[in-house]
N, C-alpha and C. Protein backbone atom coordinates (compact mmCIF):
# COMPACT_ATOMS: atom_id res chain seq x y z
N MET A 1 2.26 3.82 7.44
CA MET A 1 1.46 4.16 8.59
C MET A 1 0.36 5.11 8.15
N GLY A 2 -0.85 4.85 8.54
CA GLY A 2 -1.99 5.69 8.18
C GLY A 2 -2.00 7.00 8.96
N LEU A 3 -2.80 7.93 8.50
CA LEU A 3 -2.88 9.25 9.12
C LEU A 3 -3.28 9.16 10.59
N GLY A 4 -4.23 8.32 10.91
CA GLY A 4 -4.67 8.18 12.30
C GLY A 4 -3.56 7.71 13.22
N LYS A 5 -2.77 6.75 12.74
CA LYS A 5 -1.65 6.24 13.53
C LYS A 5 -0.59 7.32 13.71
N LYS A 6 -0.40 8.15 12.69
CA LYS A 6 0.57 9.25 12.80
C LYS A 6 0.09 10.28 13.81
N ILE A 7 -1.21 10.56 13.81
CA ILE A 7 -1.76 11.50 14.79
C ILE A 7 -1.53 10.96 16.20
N ALA A 8 -1.78 9.68 16.40
CA ALA A 8 -1.56 9.07 17.71
C ALA A 8 -0.08 9.16 18.10
N TYR A 9 0.80 8.89 17.15
CA TYR A 9 2.25 8.94 17.40
C TYR A 9 2.67 10.33 17.85
N TYR A 10 2.29 11.35 17.08
CA TYR A 10 2.69 12.71 17.41
C TYR A 10 2.02 13.20 18.70
N ARG A 11 0.77 12.80 18.93
CA ARG A 11 0.08 13.18 20.17
C ARG A 11 0.80 12.61 21.37
N LYS A 12 1.18 11.35 21.30
CA LYS A 12 1.87 10.71 22.41
C LYS A 12 3.25 11.33 22.62
N ASN A 13 3.93 11.71 21.53
CA ASN A 13 5.23 12.37 21.66
C ASN A 13 5.12 13.71 22.37
N LYS A 14 3.96 14.34 22.29
CA LYS A 14 3.70 15.60 22.98
C LYS A 14 3.12 15.37 24.39
N ASN A 15 3.04 14.11 24.78
CA ASN A 15 2.47 13.74 26.09
C ASN A 15 1.07 14.34 26.28
N MET A 16 0.28 14.26 25.21
CA MET A 16 -1.09 14.77 25.25
C MET A 16 -2.07 13.60 25.31
N THR A 17 -3.19 13.85 25.95
CA THR A 17 -4.28 12.88 25.91
C THR A 17 -5.15 13.18 24.69
N GLN A 18 -5.98 12.23 24.33
CA GLN A 18 -6.94 12.47 23.26
C GLN A 18 -7.84 13.63 23.62
N GLU A 19 -8.20 13.71 24.88
CA GLU A 19 -9.08 14.79 25.34
C GLU A 19 -8.41 16.15 25.20
N GLU A 20 -7.12 16.24 25.51
CA GLU A 20 -6.40 17.52 25.39
C GLU A 20 -6.32 17.96 23.93
N LEU A 21 -6.02 17.02 23.05
CA LEU A 21 -5.96 17.34 21.62
C LEU A 21 -7.33 17.78 21.13
N ALA A 22 -8.36 17.04 21.52
CA ALA A 22 -9.72 17.36 21.09
C ALA A 22 -10.12 18.76 21.55
N LYS A 23 -9.77 19.10 22.78
CA LYS A 23 -10.12 20.42 23.32
C LYS A 23 -9.47 21.53 22.51
N GLN A 24 -8.19 21.34 22.15
CA GLN A 24 -7.48 22.36 21.36
C GLN A 24 -8.09 22.51 19.97
N LEU A 25 -8.66 21.43 19.45
CA LEU A 25 -9.25 21.46 18.12
C LEU A 25 -10.74 21.81 18.13
N GLY A 26 -11.33 21.84 19.31
CA GLY A 26 -12.75 22.15 19.42
C GLY A 26 -13.65 21.02 18.95
N ILE A 27 -13.22 19.79 19.20
CA ILE A 27 -13.98 18.61 18.78
C ILE A 27 -14.09 17.65 19.97
N SER A 28 -14.76 16.54 19.78
CA SER A 28 -14.90 15.56 20.86
C SER A 28 -13.68 14.62 20.88
N ASN A 29 -13.41 14.10 22.08
CA ASN A 29 -12.31 13.13 22.17
C ASN A 29 -12.67 11.83 21.45
N GLN A 30 -13.97 11.57 21.26
CA GLN A 30 -14.38 10.39 20.49
C GLN A 30 -13.95 10.52 19.03
N ALA A 31 -13.97 11.76 18.51
CA ALA A 31 -13.52 11.98 17.13
C ALA A 31 -12.04 11.64 17.00
N VAL A 32 -11.24 12.09 17.97
CA VAL A 32 -9.80 11.80 17.95
C VAL A 32 -9.59 10.28 18.02
N SER A 33 -10.34 9.63 18.87
CA SER A 33 -10.24 8.18 19.00
C SER A 33 -10.54 7.48 17.67
N LYS A 34 -11.59 7.94 16.99
CA LYS A 34 -11.93 7.35 15.69
C LYS A 34 -10.82 7.56 14.67
N TRP A 35 -10.19 8.74 14.67
CA TRP A 35 -9.08 8.97 13.75
C TRP A 35 -7.96 7.98 14.03
N GLU A 36 -7.59 7.88 15.31
CA GLU A 36 -6.45 7.06 15.69
C GLU A 36 -6.71 5.57 15.46
N ASN A 37 -7.96 5.18 15.46
CA ASN A 37 -8.31 3.79 15.16
C ASN A 37 -8.65 3.57 13.70
N GLU A 38 -8.36 4.61 12.88
CA GLU A 38 -8.56 4.54 11.43
C GLU A 38 -10.02 4.28 11.05
N GLN A 39 -10.96 4.75 11.89
CA GLN A 39 -12.38 4.60 11.60
C GLN A 39 -12.93 5.81 10.85
N SER A 40 -12.21 6.93 10.95
CA SER A 40 -12.57 8.14 10.22
C SER A 40 -11.33 9.01 10.08
N CYS A 41 -11.46 10.10 9.35
CA CYS A 41 -10.34 11.02 9.13
C CYS A 41 -10.73 12.42 9.59
N PRO A 42 -9.74 13.20 9.99
CA PRO A 42 -10.07 14.57 10.38
C PRO A 42 -10.54 15.39 9.18
N ASP A 43 -11.35 16.37 9.45
CA ASP A 43 -11.78 17.31 8.42
C ASP A 43 -10.54 18.01 7.87
N VAL A 44 -10.52 18.22 6.58
CA VAL A 44 -9.36 18.81 5.93
C VAL A 44 -9.01 20.17 6.53
N GLU A 45 -9.99 20.90 7.01
CA GLU A 45 -9.74 22.21 7.61
C GLU A 45 -8.99 22.12 8.93
N LEU A 46 -9.02 20.96 9.58
CA LEU A 46 -8.31 20.77 10.85
C LEU A 46 -6.85 20.40 10.65
N LEU A 47 -6.48 19.93 9.48
CA LEU A 47 -5.13 19.43 9.27
C LEU A 47 -4.03 20.45 9.57
N PRO A 48 -4.15 21.70 9.10
CA PRO A 48 -3.09 22.67 9.45
C PRO A 48 -3.00 22.92 10.96
N LYS A 49 -4.13 22.94 11.63
CA LYS A 49 -4.13 23.16 13.08
C LYS A 49 -3.49 21.97 13.80
N ILE A 50 -3.78 20.76 13.33
CA ILE A 50 -3.16 19.57 13.91
C ILE A 50 -1.65 19.64 13.75
N ALA A 51 -1.19 19.99 12.56
CA ALA A 51 0.25 20.11 12.33
C ALA A 51 0.86 21.18 13.23
N ASP A 52 0.16 22.31 13.39
CA ASP A 52 0.66 23.38 14.27
C ASP A 52 0.77 22.90 15.71
N ILE A 53 -0.23 22.19 16.19
CA ILE A 53 -0.21 21.69 17.57
C ILE A 53 0.98 20.77 17.78
N PHE A 54 1.27 19.94 16.79
CA PHE A 54 2.38 19.00 16.91
C PHE A 54 3.73 19.62 16.52
N GLU A 55 3.69 20.88 16.07
CA GLU A 55 4.88 21.61 15.64
C GLU A 55 5.61 20.88 14.52
N ILE A 56 4.82 20.44 13.53
CA ILE A 56 5.36 19.78 12.35
C ILE A 56 4.71 20.41 11.11
N THR A 57 5.23 20.07 9.95
CA THR A 57 4.61 20.55 8.71
C THR A 57 3.54 19.56 8.26
N LEU A 58 2.71 20.00 7.35
CA LEU A 58 1.73 19.07 6.76
C LEU A 58 2.44 17.96 6.03
N ASP A 59 3.57 18.27 5.39
CA ASP A 59 4.34 17.23 4.71
C ASP A 59 4.81 16.16 5.69
N GLU A 60 5.24 16.58 6.87
CA GLU A 60 5.65 15.61 7.88
C GLU A 60 4.45 14.78 8.35
N LEU A 61 3.31 15.42 8.52
CA LEU A 61 2.11 14.71 8.95
C LEU A 61 1.73 13.63 7.93
N PHE A 62 1.92 13.94 6.66
CA PHE A 62 1.59 12.99 5.60
C PHE A 62 2.78 12.17 5.14
N GLU A 63 3.94 12.34 5.79
CA GLU A 63 5.17 11.61 5.47
C GLU A 63 5.55 11.74 4.00
N ARG A 64 5.47 12.96 3.50
CA ARG A 64 5.88 13.20 2.12
C ARG A 64 7.39 13.22 2.06
N ASP A 65 7.95 12.47 1.16
CA ASP A 65 9.39 12.35 1.02
C ASP A 65 9.83 13.03 -0.26
N PHE A 66 10.38 14.23 -0.13
CA PHE A 66 10.75 14.99 -1.31
C PHE A 66 11.93 14.39 -2.05
N VAL A 67 12.83 13.71 -1.35
CA VAL A 67 13.96 13.08 -2.03
C VAL A 67 13.45 12.02 -3.00
N SER A 68 12.52 11.20 -2.55
CA SER A 68 11.96 10.17 -3.42
C SER A 68 11.23 10.80 -4.59
N GLN A 69 10.52 11.90 -4.35
CA GLN A 69 9.81 12.59 -5.42
C GLN A 69 10.79 13.12 -6.45
N GLU A 70 11.90 13.70 -5.99
CA GLU A 70 12.89 14.23 -6.91
C GLU A 70 13.48 13.11 -7.77
N LYS A 71 13.76 11.97 -7.19
CA LYS A 71 14.30 10.84 -7.94
C LYS A 71 13.30 10.37 -8.99
N ARG A 72 12.02 10.27 -8.60
CA ARG A 72 10.98 9.86 -9.54
C ARG A 72 10.89 10.85 -10.70
N MET A 73 10.94 12.13 -10.37
CA MET A 73 10.81 13.15 -11.39
C MET A 73 11.99 13.10 -12.35
N SER A 74 13.19 12.85 -11.85
CA SER A 74 14.34 12.81 -12.74
C SER A 74 14.29 11.58 -13.64
N VAL A 75 13.75 10.50 -13.16
CA VAL A 75 13.61 9.29 -13.97
C VAL A 75 12.54 9.49 -15.03
N GLU A 76 11.46 10.19 -14.66
CA GLU A 76 10.35 10.38 -15.57
C GLU A 76 10.56 11.55 -16.54
N ALA A 77 11.56 12.39 -16.28
CA ALA A 77 11.78 13.56 -17.12
C ALA A 77 12.18 13.14 -18.53
N PRO A 78 11.66 13.81 -19.54
CA PRO A 78 12.02 13.44 -20.90
C PRO A 78 13.48 13.78 -21.20
N LEU A 79 14.08 12.97 -22.04
CA LEU A 79 15.47 13.20 -22.43
C LEU A 79 15.54 14.38 -23.39
N ASN A 80 16.64 15.13 -23.31
CA ASN A 80 16.80 16.22 -24.29
C ASN A 80 17.38 15.65 -25.58
N GLU A 81 17.63 16.47 -26.54
CA GLU A 81 18.06 16.01 -27.87
C GLU A 81 19.37 15.23 -27.83
N THR A 82 20.24 15.48 -26.86
CA THR A 82 21.53 14.80 -26.79
C THR A 82 21.41 13.47 -26.04
N GLY A 83 20.20 13.14 -25.56
CA GLY A 83 19.99 11.89 -24.85
C GLY A 83 20.32 11.97 -23.38
N GLU A 84 20.52 13.17 -22.88
CA GLU A 84 20.86 13.35 -21.46
C GLU A 84 19.63 13.66 -20.65
């Protein structure tokens, strides 16, 4: 799921309109609409505020999966001298 679709998902879970979200961010509701339709992306400086409004972390907003990262890192880690 793209960032815009995630913003729409979290906004709807908060029972917010595009206009309400836009007002809290100090932007136009057309900008929010463009994000949600994947026509543009929010400015990087707005991302922490968006996460705060939705009461989530930036990792949640970007769907970062630390378990998968840990597995990848352990597979990619070099073996020590004993082969472990």
